[in-house]
C-alpha atoms as a PDB file:
ATOM      1  CA  MET A   1      14.518  -1.178  52.587  1.00  0.00           C
ATOM      2  CA  VAL A   2      18.260  -1.951  52.798  1.00  0.00           C
ATOM      3  CA  ARG A   3      20.375   0.643  50.837  1.00  0.00           C
ATOM      4  CA  LEU A   4      23.669  -1.254  49.967  1.00  0.00           C
ATOM      5  CA  ASP A   5      25.990   1.073  48.239  1.00  0.00           C
ATOM      6  CA  LYS A   6      29.053  -1.299  48.459  1.00  0.00           C
ATOM      7  CA  ILE A   7      28.852  -5.037  47.808  1.00  0.00           C
ATOM      8  CA  TYR A   8      31.901  -6.409  49.462  1.00  0.00           C
ATOM      9  CA  THR A   9      33.253  -5.159  52.701  1.00  0.00           C
ATOM     10  CA  LYS A  10      36.031  -7.833  53.049  1.00  0.00           C
ATOM     11  CA  GLY A  11      34.883  -8.236  56.677  1.00  0.00           C
ATOM     12  CA  GLY A  12      34.295 -12.053  55.790  1.00  0.00           C
ATOM     13  CA  ASP A  13      37.961 -12.595  54.238  1.00  0.00           C
ATOM     14  CA  GLN A  14      38.857 -14.524  57.351  1.00  0.00           C
ATOM     15  CA  GLY A  15      35.905 -16.796  57.584  1.00  0.00           C
ATOM     16  CA  ILE A  16      33.795 -14.355  60.133  1.00  0.00           C
ATOM     17  CA  THR A  17      30.398 -12.765  59.596  1.00  0.00           C
ATOM     18  CA  SER A  18      28.176 -10.551  61.663  1.00  0.00           C
ATOM     19  CA  LEU A  19      24.967 -11.632  63.264  1.00  0.00           C
ATOM     20  CA  GLY A  20      22.128  -9.104  63.149  1.00  0.00           C
ATOM     21  CA  ASP A  21      22.883  -7.852  66.719  1.00  0.00           C
ATOM     22  CA  GLY A  22      26.578  -7.238  65.541  1.00  0.00           C
ATOM     23  CA  LYS A  23      28.199 -10.190  67.327  1.00  0.00           C
ATOM     24  CA  ARG A  24      30.870 -11.602  65.303  1.00  0.00           C
ATOM     25  CA  VAL A  25      31.007 -15.571  64.664  1.00  0.00           C
ATOM     26  CA  LYS A  26      32.625 -18.094  62.247  1.00  0.00           C
ATOM     27  CA  LYS A  27      30.902 -18.579  59.080  1.00  0.00           C
ATOM     28  CA  ASN A  28      30.111 -22.169  60.001  1.00  0.00           C
ATOM     29  CA  ASN A  29      28.386 -21.288  62.942  1.00  0.00           C
ATOM     30  CA  VAL A  30      25.005 -23.475  63.202  1.00  0.00           C
ATOM     31  CA  ARG A  31      22.887 -20.469  63.389  1.00  0.00           C
ATOM     32  CA  VAL A  32      24.406 -18.875  59.965  1.00  0.00           C
ATOM     33  CA  ASP A  33      24.067 -22.412  58.426  1.00  0.00           C
ATOM     34  CA  VAL A  34      20.267 -22.538  59.442  1.00  0.00           C
ATOM     35  CA  TYR A  35      19.754 -19.213  57.609  1.00  0.00           C
ATOM     36  CA  GLY A  36      22.177 -19.910  54.816  1.00  0.00           C
ATOM     37  CA  ASP A  37      19.921 -22.667  54.030  1.00  0.00           C
ATOM     38  CA  ILE A  38      16.920 -20.725  54.419  1.00  0.00           C
ATOM     39  CA  ASP A  39      18.724 -18.636  51.512  1.00  0.00           C
ATOM     40  CA  GLU A  40      19.344 -21.432  49.752  1.00  0.00           C
ATOM     41  CA  ALA A  41      15.730 -22.469  49.809  1.00  0.00           C
ATOM     42  CA  ASN A  42      14.657 -19.190  48.673  1.00  0.00           C
ATOM     43  CA  SER A  43      16.921 -19.027  45.744  1.00  0.00           C
ATOM     44  CA  THR A  44      15.330 -22.386  44.331  1.00  0.00           C
ATOM     45  CA  ILE A  45      11.952 -21.356  45.244  1.00  0.00           C
ATOM     46  CA  GLY A  46      12.873 -18.412  42.899  1.00  0.00           C
ATOM     47  CA  LEU A  47      14.072 -20.868  40.193  1.00  0.00           C
ATOM     48  CA  ALA A  48      10.935 -22.964  40.485  1.00  0.00           C
ATOM     49  CA  SER A  49       8.911 -20.027  40.225  1.00  0.00           C
ATOM     50  CA  SER A  50      10.164 -19.168  36.773  1.00  0.00           C
ATOM     51  CA  PHE A  51       8.447 -22.611  35.631  1.00  0.00           C
ATOM     52  CA  CYS A  52       5.322 -22.136  37.620  1.00  0.00           C
ATOM     53  CA  SER A  53       1.833 -21.333  36.926  1.00  0.00           C
ATOM     54  CA  PRO A  54       0.691 -17.862  37.644  1.00  0.00           C
ATOM     55  CA  ASN A  55      -1.276 -18.510  40.692  1.00  0.00           C
ATOM     56  CA  ILE A  56       1.466 -20.818  42.225  1.00  0.00           C
ATOM     57  CA  LYS A  57       4.151 -17.932  41.270  1.00  0.00           C
ATOM     58  CA  ILE A  58       1.875 -15.349  43.203  1.00  0.00           C
ATOM     59  CA  MET A  59       2.292 -17.552  46.289  1.00  0.00           C
ATOM     60  CA  LEU A  60       5.833 -18.411  45.829  1.00  0.00           C
ATOM     61  CA  LEU A  61       6.516 -14.662  45.919  1.00  0.00           C
ATOM     62  CA  LYS A  62       4.863 -14.095  49.050  1.00  0.00           C
ATOM     63  CA  VAL A  63       6.766 -17.479  50.513  1.00  0.00           C
ATOM     64  CA  GLN A  64       9.996 -15.928  49.608  1.00  0.00           C
ATOM     65  CA  ASN A  65       9.150 -12.387  51.234  1.00  0.00           C
ATOM     66  CA  ASP A  66       8.705 -14.506  54.186  1.00  0.00           C
ATOM     67  CA  LEU A  67      11.694 -16.255  53.819  1.00  0.00           C
ATOM     68  CA  PHE A  68      13.619 -12.906  54.203  1.00  0.00           C
ATOM     69  CA  ASP A  69      11.798 -12.156  57.254  1.00  0.00           C
ATOM     70  CA  LEU A  70      12.721 -15.377  58.676  1.00  0.00           C
ATOM     71  CA  GLY A  71      16.326 -15.195  57.654  1.00  0.00           C
ATOM     72  CA  ALA A  72      15.963 -11.554  59.437  1.00  0.00           C
ATOM     73  CA  ASP A  73      14.742 -13.262  62.684  1.00  0.00           C
ATOM     74  CA  LEU A  74      17.129 -16.266  62.420  1.00  0.00           C
ATOM     75  CA  CYS A  75      20.318 -14.046  62.246  1.00  0.00           C
ATOM     76  CA  ILE A  76      19.474 -12.168  65.550  1.00  0.00           C
ATOM     77  CA  PRO A  77      20.133 -14.251  68.361  1.00  0.00           C
ATOM     78  CA  ASP A  78      17.081 -14.553  70.952  1.00  0.00           C
ATOM     79  CA  SER A  79      19.069 -13.043  73.686  1.00  0.00           C
ATOM     80  CA  SER A  80      19.345  -9.874  71.673  1.00  0.00           C
ATOM     81  CA  LYS A  81      17.267  -6.611  72.983  1.00  0.00           C
ATOM     82  CA  LYS A  82      16.446  -5.829  69.158  1.00  0.00           C
ATOM     83  CA  LYS A  83      14.560  -9.523  68.770  1.00  0.00           C
ATOM     84  CA  SER A  84      10.772  -9.092  67.514  1.00  0.00           C
ATOM     85  CA  LEU A  85       9.844 -11.727  65.335  1.00  0.00           C
ATOM     86  CA  LYS A  86       8.269 -11.224  61.848  1.00  0.00           C
ATOM     87  CA  ILE A  87       7.119 -14.552  61.175  1.00  0.00           C
ATOM     88  CA  THR A  88       4.303 -15.156  63.227  1.00  0.00           C
ATOM     89  CA  GLU A  89       1.308 -17.522  63.808  1.00  0.00           C
ATOM     90  CA  ASN A  90      -0.571 -15.816  60.704  1.00  0.00           C
ATOM     91  CA  HIS A  91       2.165 -16.751  58.183  1.00  0.00           C
ATOM     92  CA  VAL A  92       1.761 -20.644  59.347  1.00  0.00           C
ATOM     93  CA  ASN A  93      -2.040 -19.903  58.997  1.00  0.00           C
ATOM     94  CA  ASN A  94      -1.422 -18.481  55.463  1.00  0.00           C
ATOM     95  CA  LEU A  95       0.367 -21.374  54.219  1.00  0.00           C
ATOM     96  CA  GLU A  96      -2.246 -23.843  55.765  1.00  0.00           C
ATOM     97  CA  ILE A  97      -5.219 -22.026  53.610  1.00  0.00           C
ATOM     98  CA  ALA A  98      -2.904 -22.141  50.481  1.00  0.00           C
ATOM     99  CA  ILE A  99      -2.347 -25.973  51.109  1.00  0.00           C
ATOM    100  CA  ASP A 100      -6.022 -26.509  51.595  1.00  0.00           C
ATOM    101  CA  LYS A 101      -7.178 -24.595  48.479  1.00  0.00           C
ATOM    102  CA  MET A 102      -4.812 -26.695  46.473  1.00  0.00           C
ATOM    103  CA  ASN A 103      -5.762 -30.096  48.295  1.00  0.00           C
ATOM    104  CA  GLU A 104      -9.199 -29.216  46.772  1.00  0.00           C
ATOM    105  CA  LYS A 105      -8.142 -30.066  43.472  1.00  0.00           C
ATOM    106  CA  LEU A 106      -5.864 -33.036  44.017  1.00  0.00           C
ATOM    107  CA  GLN A 107      -6.812 -36.587  44.572  1.00  0.00           C
ATOM    108  CA  PRO A 108      -5.966 -37.907  47.899  1.00  0.00           C
ATOM    109  CA  LEU A 109      -2.388 -39.657  48.133  1.00  0.00           C
ATOM    110  CA  GLY A 110      -2.811 -43.485  48.116  1.00  0.00           C
ATOM    111  CA  SER A 111       1.091 -43.915  48.500  1.00  0.00           C
ATOM    112  CA  PHE A 112       4.382 -42.124  48.570  1.00  0.00           C
ATOM    113  CA  ILE A 113       5.293 -40.448  45.493  1.00  0.00           C
ATOM    114  CA  LEU A 114       8.574 -39.775  43.713  1.00  0.00           C
ATOM    115  CA  PRO A 115       9.857 -35.838  43.497  1.00  0.00           C
ATOM    116  CA  GLY A 116       9.914 -35.087  40.123  1.00  0.00           C
ATOM    117  CA  GLY A 117       7.722 -34.587  37.209  1.00  0.00           C
ATOM    118  CA  GLN A 118       7.407 -31.038  35.566  1.00  0.00           C
ATOM    119  CA  LYS A 119      10.597 -28.735  36.025  1.00  0.00           C
ATOM    120  CA  SER A 120       8.364 -26.649  38.470  1.00  0.00           C
ATOM    121  CA  SER A 121       7.466 -29.530  40.454  1.00  0.00           C
ATOM    122  CA  ALA A 122      10.872 -30.688  40.463  1.00  0.00           C
ATOM    123  CA  PHE A 123      12.409 -27.750  41.515  1.00  0.00           C
ATOM    124  CA  LEU A 124       9.751 -27.413  44.303  1.00  0.00           C
ATOM    125  CA  HIS A 125      10.658 -30.699  45.476  1.00  0.00           C
ATOM    126  CA  PHE A 126      14.120 -29.387  45.633  1.00  0.00           C
ATOM    127  CA  SER A 127      13.345 -26.571  47.757  1.00  0.00           C
ATOM    128  CA  ARG A 128      11.190 -28.733  50.090  1.00  0.00           C
ATOM    129  CA  CYS A 129      14.257 -30.932  50.933  1.00  0.00           C
ATOM    130  CA  ILE A 130      16.192 -27.745  51.383  1.00  0.00           C
ATOM    131  CA  ILE A 131      13.641 -26.469  53.978  1.00  0.00           C
ATOM    132  CA  ARG A 132      13.648 -29.964  55.423  1.00  0.00           C
ATOM    133  CA  ARG A 133      17.607 -29.611  55.986  1.00  0.00           C
ATOM    134  CA  ALA A 134      17.024 -26.179  57.606  1.00  0.00           C
ATOM    135  CA  GLU A 135      14.559 -27.763  59.887  1.00  0.00           C
ATOM    136  CA  ARG A 136      17.101 -30.386  61.250  1.00  0.00           C
ATOM    137  CA  LYS A 137      19.724 -27.820  61.756  1.00  0.00           C
ATOM    138  CA  LEU A 138      17.192 -25.630  63.318  1.00  0.00           C
ATOM    139  CA  VAL A 139      16.695 -28.554  65.926  1.00  0.00           C
ATOM    140  CA  THR A 140      20.365 -28.632  66.600  1.00  0.00           C
ATOM    141  CA  LEU A 141      20.646 -24.924  67.134  1.00  0.00           C
ATOM    142  CA  SER A 142      17.639 -25.246  69.390  1.00  0.00           C
ATOM    143  CA  GLU A 143      19.392 -27.455  71.715  1.00  0.00           C
ATOM    144  CA  LYS A 144      22.005 -24.555  72.576  1.00  0.00           C
ATOM    145  CA  GLU A 145      19.680 -21.638  72.420  1.00  0.00           C
ATOM    146  CA  HIS A 146      16.000 -20.846  72.542  1.00  0.00           C
ATOM    147  CA  ILE A 147      14.162 -20.616  68.929  1.00  0.00           C
ATOM    148  CA  HIS A 148      10.584 -19.467  69.201  1.00  0.00           C
ATOM    149  CA  ASN A 149       8.027 -22.474  68.169  1.00  0.00           C
ATOM    150  CA  VAL A 150       6.380 -20.258  65.188  1.00  0.00           C
ATOM    151  CA  VAL A 151       9.765 -20.718  63.537  1.00  0.00           C
ATOM    152  CA  PHE A 152       9.482 -24.459  63.616  1.00  0.00           C
ATOM    153  CA  LYS A 153       6.101 -24.291  62.629  1.00  0.00           C
ATOM    154  CA  TYR A 154       6.595 -22.314  59.740  1.00  0.00           C
ATOM    155  CA  LEU A 155       9.236 -24.386  58.187  1.00  0.00           C
ATOM    156  CA  ASN A 156       7.472 -27.454  58.606  1.00  0.00           C
ATOM    157  CA  ARG A 157       4.252 -26.159  57.143  1.00  0.00           C
ATOM    158  CA  LEU A 158       6.447 -24.826  54.247  1.00  0.00           C
ATOM    159  CA  SER A 159       7.754 -28.064  53.513  1.00  0.00           C
ATOM    160  CA  ASP A 160       4.041 -29.283  53.596  1.00  0.00           C
ATOM    161  CA  PHE A 161       3.001 -26.425  51.024  1.00  0.00           C
ATOM    162  CA  LEU A 162       6.036 -26.934  48.719  1.00  0.00           C
ATOM    163  CA  PHE A 163       4.939 -30.721  48.630  1.00  0.00           C
ATOM    164  CA  VAL A 164       1.362 -29.817  47.446  1.00  0.00           C
ATOM    165  CA  ALA A 165       2.287 -27.075  45.074  1.00  0.00           C
ATOM    166  CA  ALA A 166       4.503 -29.506  43.423  1.00  0.00           C
ATOM    167  CA  ARG A 167       1.560 -31.999  43.048  1.00  0.00           C
ATOM    168  CA  PHE A 168      -0.545 -29.323  42.011  1.00  0.00           C
ATOM    169  CA  GLU A 169       2.040 -28.249  39.389  1.00  0.00           C
ATOM    170  CA  ASN A 170       2.280 -31.823  38.071  1.00  0.00           C
ATOM    171  CA  LYS A 171      -1.605 -31.853  37.968  1.00  0.00           C
ATOM    172  CA  ALA A 172      -1.712 -28.786  36.023  1.00  0.00           C
ATOM    173  CA  ASN A 173       0.679 -29.651  33.494  1.00  0.00           C
ATOM    174  CA  GLY A 174      -0.360 -33.048  32.789  1.00  0.00           C
END
């Protein structure tokens, strides 16, 4: 657990921030941008969760913890000696299991659907879109630096999970 005695450090007052390995970079660095999107999605998932049914809420809390770990993974460049991924293939599998369980209770899709419906569903769709944006930026980052494939898999599966969870919430709430 990280202990923060002081919230402000003034270290970023000039548009510079530190990566997890201590390297200082501009705040518009693509790596910072990617994990900023992950953080934004985590916040909107928290918002969605406040409207969700208890079972979905439990799953979303797990996802939020995963996203903290993923952000920690991404804030340390792959070349760092400290690098060991917290997000693993097991996390991807857990999302697939959750998707399959929800899908068992849903009708197959016959066409595309519009995002929206219940508040919970609308916020889950919004979170999904932010995850998709993070995926696109991750591709840009991967053109410059090595990104472990499990990171791509997790984000891709998470957007699928959020889509199915949004459908599940709409069905559960009429």
